[in-house]
Amino acid sequence: MKLELNNITKRFGQFIANDAINLTVNPGEIHALLGENGAGKSTLMNVLYGLYQAEEGDILLDGKKHTFNGPGDAMRAGIGMVHQHFMLVPVFTVAENVALGHERSTVFGKLDINHARAQVIKISERFGFNVDPDAKIEDLPVGIQQRVEIIKALALDAKVLVFDEPTAVLTPQETDELINVMKQLRDEGRAIIFISHKLREIKEIADKITVIRLGKVVGTALPSASNEELASLMVGRPVNLTVNKSPLIPSEIAFKVTNLKLSDKNIDILKNISFSVTKGEVFAIAGVQGNGQTELIEAIMGLRPEATGEIELNKNSLKSLSINSILNLGVGYVPEDRHRDAMVSNFTISENLMLDRTQDSPFVKNGTIDFDLLHDFAKQKIEEYDIRSQGHLSPIGTLSGGNQQKVILAREMSKALKLLVISQPTRGLDVGSIEFIHKQIIKTRDSGIPVIVVSTELDEVYAIADTIAVMHHGEIMGIVDSSTPRETIGMMMAGLRN
């Protein structure tokens, strides 16, 4: 089935999210949609899937115009979507999830779950998925859950498939398996749209590439285009994708974790975690999301006081200290969820830059905020960190994700740091913001400060890390240097010890 999007325009008030976008995807083709965060990719796909209604433009399937008033209309027309955040009911079985929304009844009026089971088995055998139709979703690893999402789409015989950031939660081996499945689907004649910010994957799998910037199509490319060419199209300027850093110079241990354990409702979340970080070292913690990385950082930062074991910074114990006490010791902390834990959306940029320094100098004297000093500081950081805004009095919630992250980094990195802890530093950000943030991390490392980075992006881990620890089910599978092959890291991410 041939898909044509002609002059699709979608507005939200005065904001134009999609500006007369044209896109054609032919049967037997993988067409990659590339663009920075907020470029309009997801909005365009939501229009295609019937979640949004475009103000202008047409959707054509094999030359016939269609109007979709909801996902049900799109699915009936032969369009399927594999979402980045799985649309599955955890307590339902695989077969029940496949049947959901498209239930069939037996002659006695009961749910015909056997039909869904047969579909799961048939599709699973055809693609080598090895998915048990009677397994509960909550008991399946994320790689298998994604296969269930694909099965749901294929059970409705989708001829056009949209994969929205499908590798975000996969190990390298699972990513390779998914790429093989997508190629098989392409070779069967299906039209596939692949949305990703990972240039390496796009170059490996795409037949054609369309680049969107600020809601407009700014160019098309072939997979033979260089990473630099694609990145420049995305952000509108040259981008240096290589992180330049000098070799790690051996130094004394600055930070140490020993036999850290954490349980919740008799479930072991952290199991004897031990590692050390030297001065001027980037220590990266890799792994698929949900394997204890979040809890480990929370324990380090005093947010999990029930954790047992020892945590030391410059030979001083951090155990039993509050997060405020830990921050006051010179620990910079960038949480993984900036909206929930690192900023107040309605506060200005200036106010967010002093969030954890509201009690004393430099911004508070005798209980009074020195607004002149604060605003001068904010203006300096806006320029230094290239924070795109309407000024220091702009609410941080009005900024893009990349600029919000820059404000948070500016706040944390402007302290007299003894340790920087940063989780998912570039999640959801465009290549331009990624380039800047990586430079700031390396700059901090080169000043002799130990840096702990948690990232699910393996490319990012390799780019900035000196040492890599891999977590799986609350354990460290191994601690290796950054020259370790990706395949080895991938095996550890899947649960095999190094």
Protein backbone atom coordinates (compact mmCIF):
# COMPACT_ATOMS: atom_id res chain seq x y z
CA MET A 1 0.00 0.00 0.00
CA LYS A 2 1.34 3.40 -1.01
CA LEU A 3 1.02 6.23 1.52
CA GLU A 4 0.94 9.89 0.52
CA LEU A 5 0.72 12.83 2.89
CA ASN A 6 0.01 15.95 0.86
CA ASN A 7 0.46 19.44 2.32
CA ILE A 8 -0.38 18.37 5.86
CA THR A 9 -0.70 21.42 8.11
CA LYS A 10 -1.46 21.16 11.82
CA ARG A 11 -1.78 24.16 14.12
CA PHE A 12 -2.07 24.53 17.86
CA GLY A 13 -3.34 28.08 18.28
CA GLN A 14 -0.79 30.32 16.58
CA PHE A 15 1.86 27.60 16.63
CA ILE A 16 2.31 25.68 13.38
CA ALA A 17 3.49 22.18 14.28
CA ASN A 18 3.32 20.84 10.71
CA ASP A 19 3.68 23.30 7.84
CA ALA A 20 2.52 21.91 4.47
CA ILE A 21 4.41 18.64 4.85
CA ASN A 22 4.62 16.24 1.92
CA LEU A 23 5.71 12.65 2.44
CA THR A 24 5.43 9.60 0.19
CA VAL A 25 6.17 6.07 1.35
CA ASN A 26 6.05 3.29 -1.22
CA PRO A 27 5.29 -0.39 -0.63
CA GLY A 28 8.45 -2.32 0.19
CA GLU A 29 10.22 0.77 1.54
CA ILE A 30 11.55 1.85 4.92
CA HIS A 31 11.29 5.63 5.03
CA ALA A 32 13.06 7.26 7.98
CA LEU A 33 11.67 10.43 9.50
CA LEU A 34 14.47 12.41 11.12
CA GLY A 35 14.33 15.63 13.09
CA GLU A 36 15.28 17.22 16.37
CA ASN A 37 13.06 17.25 19.43
CA GLY A 38 9.92 19.29 18.71
CA ALA A 39 10.42 19.28 14.95
CA GLY A 40 6.90 17.92 14.35
CA LYS A 41 7.55 14.22 13.63
CA SER A 42 5.22 12.81 16.27
CA THR A 43 2.53 15.37 15.46
CA LEU A 44 2.61 14.28 11.82
CA MET A 45 2.28 10.62 12.78
CA ASN A 46 -0.58 11.44 15.16
CA VAL A 47 -2.36 13.08 12.23
CA LEU A 48 -1.79 9.94 10.17
CA TYR A 49 -3.06 7.74 13.00
CA GLY A 50 -6.21 9.78 13.55
CA LEU A 51 -5.22 11.19 16.94
CA TYR A 52 -5.07 14.73 15.51
CA GLN A 53 -7.05 16.33 12.71
CA ALA A 54 -5.06 18.42 10.25
CA GLU A 55 -6.38 21.85 9.30
CA GLU A 56 -5.13 21.39 5.75
CA GLY A 57 -3.88 18.60 3.53
CA ASP A 58 -4.84 15.07 2.50
CA ILE A 59 -3.98 11.49 3.43
CA LEU A 60 -3.99 9.11 0.47
CA LEU A 61 -3.68 5.32 0.51
CA ASP A 62 -3.10 3.83 -2.95
CA GLY A 63 -4.34 7.12 -4.40
CA LYS A 64 -7.61 7.17 -2.43
CA LYS A 65 -8.26 10.04 -0.02
CA HIS A 66 -9.00 9.10 3.61
CA THR A 67 -10.18 10.97 6.68
CA PHE A 68 -9.41 9.41 10.05
CA ASN A 69 -11.46 10.51 13.06
CA GLY A 70 -9.57 8.21 15.40
CA PRO A 71 -7.06 5.36 15.54
CA GLY A 72 -9.84 2.86 14.82
CA ASP A 73 -10.38 4.43 11.40
CA ALA A 74 -6.64 4.34 10.67
CA MET A 75 -6.30 0.71 11.73
CA ARG A 76 -9.27 -0.35 9.62
CA ALA A 77 -7.63 1.35 6.64
CA GLY A 78 -4.46 -0.70 7.13
CA ILE A 79 -2.27 1.58 9.26
CA GLY A 80 -0.53 0.22 12.35
CA MET A 81 1.68 1.98 14.88
CA VAL A 82 4.34 0.56 17.19
CA HIS A 83 4.53 3.14 19.96
CA GLN A 84 7.65 4.11 21.88
CA HIS A 85 5.67 3.80 25.11
CA PHE A 86 3.90 0.47 24.86
CA MET A 87 0.10 0.58 24.68
CA LEU A 88 -0.35 -2.67 26.58
CA VAL A 89 -2.38 -3.66 29.65
CA PRO A 90 0.17 -5.19 32.06
CA VAL A 91 -2.24 -7.59 33.83
CA PHE A 92 -3.66 -8.95 30.55
CA THR A 93 -2.12 -11.82 28.63
CA VAL A 94 -0.54 -11.38 25.23
CA ALA A 95 -3.63 -12.81 23.51
CA GLU A 96 -5.96 -10.54 25.52
CA ASN A 97 -3.93 -7.49 24.52
CA VAL A 98 -4.07 -8.50 20.86
CA ALA A 99 -7.85 -8.98 21.09
CA LEU A 100 -8.42 -5.71 22.96
CA GLY A 101 -10.49 -3.28 20.91
CA HIS A 102 -11.15 -5.88 18.21
CA GLU A 103 -12.97 -8.52 20.23
CA ARG A 104 -14.68 -11.45 18.52
CA SER A 105 -17.42 -13.53 20.06
CA THR A 106 -18.08 -17.24 19.90
CA VAL A 107 -21.47 -18.54 18.86
CA PHE A 108 -22.37 -18.54 22.55
CA GLY A 109 -21.52 -14.85 22.96
CA LYS A 110 -18.28 -15.35 24.86
CA LEU A 111 -14.97 -13.72 24.03
CA ASP A 112 -13.21 -15.76 21.35
CA ILE A 113 -9.76 -15.58 22.91
CA ASN A 114 -8.67 -18.67 20.97
CA HIS A 115 -8.76 -16.65 17.74
CA ALA A 116 -6.35 -14.12 19.24
CA ARG A 117 -4.16 -16.93 20.58
CA ALA A 118 -3.98 -18.48 17.11
CA GLN A 119 -2.99 -15.11 15.61
CA VAL A 120 -0.21 -14.68 18.17
CA ILE A 121 1.13 -18.16 17.48
CA LYS A 122 0.95 -17.75 13.70
CA ILE A 123 2.68 -14.36 13.60
CA SER A 124 5.19 -15.34 16.27
CA GLU A 125 6.24 -18.46 14.33
CA ARG A 126 6.42 -16.51 11.08
CA PHE A 127 8.88 -13.94 12.45
CA GLY A 128 10.64 -16.10 15.04
CA PHE A 129 9.26 -14.00 17.92
CA ASN A 130 8.90 -16.86 20.42
CA VAL A 131 6.00 -15.15 22.24
CA ASP A 132 3.74 -17.15 24.55
CA PRO A 133 0.12 -16.04 23.93
CA ASP A 134 -0.83 -16.88 27.53
CA ALA A 135 2.00 -14.96 29.22
CA LYS A 136 1.07 -11.83 31.15
CA ILE A 137 2.57 -8.63 29.80
CA GLU A 138 3.91 -7.59 33.23
CA ASP A 139 6.02 -10.78 33.31
CA LEU A 140 7.68 -10.15 29.94
CA PRO A 141 10.95 -8.27 29.31
CA VAL A 142 10.67 -5.07 27.30
CA GLY A 143 12.05 -6.65 24.13
CA ILE A 144 9.23 -9.23 24.11
CA GLN A 145 6.66 -6.55 24.95
CA GLN A 146 7.69 -4.67 21.84
CA ARG A 147 7.16 -7.84 19.80
CA VAL A 148 3.64 -7.95 21.19
CA GLU A 149 3.10 -4.40 19.90
CA ILE A 150 4.20 -5.56 16.44
CA ILE A 151 1.93 -8.61 16.66
CA LYS A 152 -1.02 -6.34 17.51
CA ALA A 153 -0.43 -4.34 14.33
CA LEU A 154 0.11 -7.39 12.12
CA ALA A 155 -2.96 -9.14 13.53
CA LEU A 156 -4.98 -6.42 11.81
CA ASP A 157 -2.97 -6.97 8.60
CA ALA A 158 -1.48 -3.46 8.64
CA LYS A 159 0.00 -2.53 5.27
CA VAL A 160 1.57 0.72 6.55
CA LEU A 161 3.56 0.45 9.78
CA VAL A 162 4.87 3.34 11.86
CA PHE A 163 7.72 2.61 14.29
CA ASP A 164 8.07 5.54 16.71
CA GLU A 165 11.51 5.51 18.42
CA PRO A 166 11.25 1.70 18.67
CA THR A 167 14.76 1.02 20.01
CA ALA A 168 14.65 3.36 23.00
CA VAL A 169 14.35 0.57 25.58
CA LEU A 170 16.15 -2.27 23.79
CA THR A 171 19.54 -3.89 24.21
CA PRO A 172 21.86 -3.83 21.16
CA GLN A 173 20.99 -7.45 20.40
CA GLU A 174 17.26 -6.73 20.62
CA THR A 175 17.77 -3.70 18.37
CA ASP A 176 19.48 -5.91 15.77
CA GLU A 177 16.58 -8.38 15.96
CA LEU A 178 14.06 -5.57 15.48
CA ILE A 179 15.94 -4.22 12.47
CA ASN A 180 15.86 -7.69 10.91
CA VAL A 181 12.10 -7.90 11.52
CA MET A 182 11.56 -4.49 9.92
CA LYS A 183 13.58 -5.54 6.88
CA GLN A 184 11.50 -8.72 6.62
CA LEU A 185 8.30 -6.68 6.76
CA ARG A 186 9.66 -4.36 4.07
CA ASP A 187 10.56 -7.31 1.85
CA GLU A 188 6.96 -8.52 2.17
CA GLY A 189 5.86 -5.27 0.56
CA ARG A 190 4.76 -3.24 3.57
CA ALA A 191 5.40 0.48 3.74
CA ILE A 192 7.31 1.40 6.90
CA ILE A 193 7.93 4.77 8.56
CA PHE A 194 10.82 4.66 11.02
CA ILE A 195 11.15 7.56 13.47
CA SER A 196 14.45 7.77 15.33
CA HIS A 197 17.09 10.24 16.47
CA LYS A 198 19.81 7.57 16.29
CA LEU A 199 21.70 8.28 13.10
CA ARG A 200 23.56 4.97 13.15
CA GLU A 201 20.30 3.00 13.09
CA ILE A 202 18.71 5.18 10.44
CA LYS A 203 21.69 4.77 8.13
CA GLU A 204 21.59 1.01 8.66
CA ILE A 205 17.91 0.44 7.95
CA ALA A 206 16.45 3.29 5.87
CA ASP A 207 15.90 3.26 2.13
CA LYS A 208 15.08 6.98 2.13
CA ILE A 209 15.35 9.72 4.74
CA THR A 210 13.16 12.81 5.13
CA VAL A 211 14.36 15.51 7.53
CA ILE A 212 11.92 17.81 9.33
CA ARG A 213 12.96 21.03 11.08
CA LEU A 214 10.60 23.46 12.80
CA GLY A 215 7.58 21.77 11.29
CA LYS A 216 8.82 21.84 7.69
CA VAL A 217 10.50 19.35 5.40
CA VAL A 218 13.99 20.78 4.90
CA GLY A 219 15.50 18.01 2.85
CA THR A 220 15.71 14.39 1.84
CA ALA A 221 18.75 12.14 1.88
CA LEU A 222 19.95 8.65 1.19
CA PRO A 223 21.52 6.40 3.85
CA SER A 224 24.88 7.06 2.20
CA ALA A 225 24.81 10.62 3.58
CA SER A 226 27.29 11.24 6.38
CA ASN A 227 26.22 11.67 10.00
CA GLU A 228 27.44 15.25 9.83
CA GLU A 229 25.28 15.99 6.77
CA LEU A 230 22.19 14.56 8.44
CA ALA A 231 22.85 16.36 11.70
CA SER A 232 23.33 19.67 9.89
CA LEU A 233 20.00 19.22 8.12
CA MET A 234 18.33 18.53 11.47
CA VAL A 235 19.55 21.62 13.30
CA GLY A 236 20.39 24.02 10.46
CA ARG A 237 24.08 24.41 11.28
CA PRO A 238 27.26 22.30 11.32
CA VAL A 239 27.38 19.89 14.28
CA ASN A 240 30.43 18.14 15.69
CA LEU A 241 29.27 14.62 16.55
CA THR A 242 32.63 13.51 17.91
CA VAL A 243 33.28 14.03 21.61
CA ASN A 244 36.90 15.03 22.00
CA LYS A 245 38.43 13.99 25.29
CA SER A 246 41.92 13.22 26.48
CA PRO A 247 42.81 9.81 27.95
CA LEU A 248 41.93 9.26 31.60
CA ILE A 249 44.82 10.09 33.90
CA PRO A 250 44.98 7.70 36.88
CA SER A 251 44.13 9.49 40.09
CA GLU A 252 42.91 8.92 43.62
CA ILE A 253 39.45 7.57 44.38
CA ALA A 254 37.00 10.39 45.06
CA PHE A 255 33.71 8.53 45.33
CA LYS A 256 32.98 5.02 46.54
CA VAL A 257 29.92 2.78 46.94
CA THR A 258 30.27 -0.43 48.95
CA ASN A 259 27.74 -3.28 49.25
CA LEU A 260 24.74 -1.05 48.60
CA LYS A 261 21.45 -2.93 49.00
CA LEU A 262 17.84 -1.86 48.67
CA SER A 263 14.64 -3.87 49.08
CA ASP A 264 11.00 -2.94 48.68
CA LYS A 265 8.18 -5.27 49.78
CA ASN A 266 10.65 -8.16 50.04
CA ILE A 267 11.87 -7.57 46.49
CA ASP A 268 15.61 -6.93 46.07
CA ILE A 269 16.01 -3.81 43.95
CA LEU A 270 19.75 -3.25 44.49
CA LYS A 271 21.99 -6.23 45.19
CA ASN A 272 25.45 -5.61 46.66
CA ILE A 273 26.35 -2.68 44.41
CA SER A 274 30.02 -1.70 44.73
CA PHE A 275 32.13 0.62 42.58
CA SER A 276 34.50 3.57 42.83
CA VAL A 277 35.11 6.70 40.75
CA THR A 278 38.39 8.58 40.60
CA LYS A 279 38.90 12.31 40.22
CA GLY A 280 38.48 13.40 36.59
CA GLU A 281 36.70 10.19 35.55
CA VAL A 282 33.35 9.79 33.75
CA PHE A 283 31.80 6.64 35.23
CA ALA A 284 28.82 5.63 33.09
CA ILE A 285 26.10 3.27 34.24
CA ALA A 286 24.51 1.54 31.26
CA GLY A 287 21.56 -0.80 30.97
CA VAL A 288 17.98 -1.04 29.81
CA GLN A 289 15.70 1.32 31.74
CA GLY A 290 14.19 -0.25 34.85
CA ASN A 291 17.10 -2.37 36.04
CA GLY A 292 17.83 -0.43 39.21
CA GLN A 293 19.67 2.58 37.83
CA THR A 294 17.04 5.05 39.07
CA GLU A 295 17.03 3.57 42.58
CA LEU A 296 20.83 3.52 42.70
CA ILE A 297 21.05 7.24 41.98
CA GLU A 298 18.26 7.97 44.44
CA ALA A 299 20.15 6.04 47.12
CA ILE A 300 23.35 7.97 46.38
CA MET A 301 21.46 11.27 46.66
CA GLY A 302 19.84 10.43 50.00
CA LEU A 303 16.38 9.85 48.54
CA ARG A 304 16.38 6.18 49.57
CA PRO A 305 17.37 6.31 53.27
CA GLU A 306 16.30 2.69 53.75
CA ALA A 307 19.20 1.52 51.55
CA THR A 308 22.02 -0.23 53.39
CA GLY A 309 25.75 -0.19 52.64
CA GLU A 310 28.26 2.63 52.45
CA ILE A 311 28.51 5.71 50.22
CA GLU A 312 31.58 7.93 50.52
CA LEU A 313 32.67 11.20 48.90
CA ASN A 314 36.30 12.11 49.55
CA LYS A 315 36.28 9.54 52.40
CA ASN A 316 33.29 11.24 54.09
CA SER A 317 30.13 9.15 54.50
CA LEU A 318 27.01 10.34 52.72
CA LYS A 319 24.80 7.72 54.36
CA SER A 320 22.04 9.08 56.57
CA LEU A 321 22.46 12.58 55.12
CA SER A 322 19.50 14.44 53.62
CA ILE A 323 19.56 15.43 49.96
CA ASN A 324 20.03 19.08 50.97
CA SER A 325 23.08 18.14 53.04
CA ILE A 326 24.50 16.14 50.14
CA LEU A 327 23.95 19.00 47.70
CA ASN A 328 25.60 21.42 50.13
CA LEU A 329 28.71 19.22 50.14
CA GLY A 330 29.25 20.12 46.48
CA VAL A 331 27.26 17.42 44.68
CA GLY A 332 25.60 18.51 41.45
CA TYR A 333 22.51 16.48 40.65
CA VAL A 334 20.61 16.33 37.36
CA PRO A 335 17.65 13.90 37.76
CA GLU A 336 16.36 11.76 34.91
CA ASP A 337 12.90 13.40 34.99
CA ARG A 338 13.57 17.11 34.75
CA HIS A 339 9.89 18.08 34.79
CA ARG A 340 9.10 16.21 37.99
CA ASP A 341 12.34 16.56 39.95
CA ALA A 342 14.56 19.34 38.58
CA MET A 343 12.46 22.38 37.73
CA VAL A 344 9.31 24.34 38.51
CA SER A 345 7.58 25.03 35.20
CA ASN A 346 5.86 28.24 36.28
CA PHE A 347 9.02 29.73 37.80
CA THR A 348 11.27 31.95 35.72
CA ILE A 349 14.69 30.93 34.45
CA SER A 350 16.21 33.11 37.19
CA GLU A 351 14.16 31.42 39.90
CA ASN A 352 15.00 27.93 38.63
CA LEU A 353 18.70 28.81 38.69
CA MET A 354 18.55 29.27 42.49
CA LEU A 355 16.15 26.44 43.41
CA ASP A 356 18.58 24.62 45.72
CA ARG A 357 20.24 27.81 46.96
CA THR A 358 17.39 29.61 48.65
CA GLN A 359 18.83 29.71 52.18
CA ASP A 360 22.11 31.56 51.92
CA SER A 361 24.73 33.16 49.67
CA PRO A 362 25.22 34.10 46.99
CA PHE A 363 21.58 34.90 46.26
CA VAL A 364 20.09 35.26 49.76
CA LYS A 365 21.45 37.69 52.34
CA ASN A 366 19.82 38.21 55.74
CA GLY A 367 16.77 36.36 54.51
CA THR A 368 16.32 38.56 51.44
CA ILE A 369 16.87 37.58 47.80
CA ASP A 370 19.35 39.81 45.99
CA PHE A 371 17.42 39.98 42.73
CA ASP A 372 19.98 42.18 40.98
CA LEU A 373 22.67 39.57 41.62
CA LEU A 374 20.34 36.72 40.64
CA HIS A 375 19.25 38.36 37.39
CA ASP A 376 22.84 39.20 36.43
CA PHE A 377 23.79 35.59 37.11
CA ALA A 378 20.86 34.35 35.00
CA LYS A 379 21.75 36.63 32.08
CA GLN A 380 25.34 35.35 32.22
CA LYS A 381 24.25 31.70 32.18
CA ILE A 382 21.74 32.30 29.38
CA GLU A 383 24.59 33.60 27.23
CA GLU A 384 27.17 31.06 28.38
CA TYR A 385 24.88 28.06 27.85
CA ASP A 386 23.14 29.45 24.75
CA ILE A 387 19.71 29.13 26.38
CA ARG A 388 17.14 30.12 23.74
CA SER A 389 14.45 32.15 25.50
CA GLN A 390 12.75 35.52 25.71
CA GLY A 391 14.98 36.45 28.64
CA HIS A 392 15.75 35.56 32.24
CA LEU A 393 12.16 36.28 33.35
CA SER A 394 10.68 33.70 30.94
CA PRO A 395 8.97 30.76 32.69
CA ILE A 396 11.14 27.69 32.19
CA GLY A 397 8.05 25.74 31.11
CA THR A 398 7.89 27.80 27.92
CA LEU A 399 11.32 26.58 26.78
CA SER A 400 12.09 23.54 24.65
CA GLY A 401 13.36 20.40 26.36
CA GLY A 402 16.94 21.08 25.34
CA ASN A 403 16.87 24.59 26.74
CA GLN A 404 15.23 23.41 29.98
CA GLN A 405 18.07 20.91 30.38
CA LYS A 406 20.62 23.66 29.77
CA VAL A 407 19.11 25.73 32.61
CA ILE A 408 19.34 22.74 34.96
CA LEU A 409 22.93 22.04 33.93
CA ALA A 410 23.86 25.70 34.33
CA ARG A 411 22.49 25.64 37.89
CA GLU A 412 24.27 22.43 38.90
CA MET A 413 27.57 23.11 37.15
CA SER A 414 27.92 26.62 38.55
CA LYS A 415 28.50 25.22 42.05
CA ALA A 416 31.84 24.47 43.62
CA LEU A 417 31.51 20.84 42.58
CA LYS A 418 33.04 17.82 44.27
CA LEU A 419 30.90 15.35 42.29
CA LEU A 420 28.46 15.56 39.38
CA VAL A 421 25.63 13.01 39.17
CA ILE A 422 23.59 13.22 35.97
CA SER A 423 20.86 10.84 34.81
CA GLN A 424 19.73 10.55 31.18
CA PRO A 425 21.52 13.82 30.30
CA THR A 426 20.23 14.07 26.73
CA ARG A 427 16.97 12.11 26.75
CA GLY A 428 14.59 13.57 24.16
CA LEU A 429 17.07 16.24 23.04
CA ASP A 430 18.21 17.18 19.54
CA VAL A 431 21.74 16.66 18.27
CA GLY A 432 22.65 20.31 18.79
CA SER A 433 21.73 20.19 22.48
CA ILE A 434 23.43 16.80 22.83
CA GLU A 435 26.65 18.23 21.38
CA PHE A 436 26.62 21.08 23.92
CA ILE A 437 25.78 18.94 26.96
CA HIS A 438 28.46 16.37 26.16
CA LYS A 439 31.03 19.15 25.96
CA GLN A 440 29.97 20.42 29.40
CA ILE A 441 30.29 16.94 30.91
CA ILE A 442 33.79 16.52 29.50
CA LYS A 443 34.71 20.03 30.64
CA THR A 444 33.66 19.09 34.18
CA ARG A 445 35.63 15.86 33.97
CA ASP A 446 38.73 17.65 32.69
CA SER A 447 38.64 19.98 35.70
CA GLY A 448 39.28 16.94 37.91
CA ILE A 449 35.72 16.40 39.12
CA PRO A 450 34.33 12.84 39.16
CA VAL A 451 31.20 12.42 37.04
CA ILE A 452 28.57 9.67 37.31
CA VAL A 453 26.35 9.39 34.24
CA VAL A 454 23.32 7.11 33.89
CA SER A 455 22.24 6.61 30.29
CA THR A 456 20.22 4.09 28.31
CA GLU A 457 21.79 5.44 25.10
CA LEU A 458 24.74 3.19 24.35
CA ASP A 459 26.14 5.62 21.75
CA GLU A 460 26.19 8.30 24.44
CA VAL A 461 27.88 5.99 26.94
CA TYR A 462 30.66 5.20 24.48
CA ALA A 463 31.05 8.86 23.54
CA ILE A 464 31.68 10.26 27.03
CA ALA A 465 32.60 7.39 29.37
CA ASP A 466 36.01 6.42 30.68
CA THR A 467 34.56 3.46 32.57
CA ILE A 468 31.28 1.60 32.00
CA ALA A 469 29.26 -0.36 34.56
CA VAL A 470 26.32 -2.39 33.24
CA MET A 471 23.28 -3.02 35.41
CA HIS A 472 20.72 -5.82 35.06
CA HIS A 473 18.01 -6.66 37.59
CA GLY A 474 19.63 -4.56 40.30
CA GLU A 475 23.12 -6.02 39.90
CA ILE A 476 26.29 -4.85 38.20
CA MET A 477 27.12 -7.40 35.52
CA GLY A 478 30.58 -5.98 34.98
CA ILE A 479 32.73 -2.86 35.06
CA VAL A 480 34.78 -2.35 31.90
CA ASP A 481 36.60 0.42 30.06
CA SER A 482 35.13 2.27 27.09
CA SER A 483 37.10 0.23 24.55
CA THR A 484 34.97 -2.83 25.30
CA PRO A 485 33.05 -4.04 22.19
CA ARG A 486 29.36 -3.18 21.93
CA GLU A 487 28.50 -6.85 21.70
CA THR A 488 30.03 -7.49 25.12
CA ILE A 489 28.14 -4.58 26.66
CA GLY A 490 24.96 -5.84 25.02
CA MET A 491 25.38 -9.29 26.50
CA MET A 492 25.82 -7.78 29.96
CA MET A 493 22.70 -5.67 29.42
CA ALA A 494 20.86 -8.93 28.74
CA GLY A 495 22.07 -10.41 32.04
CA LEU A 496 25.33 -12.19 31.27
CA ARG A 497 28.27 -11.41 33.54
CA ASN A 498 31.49 -10.22 31.99
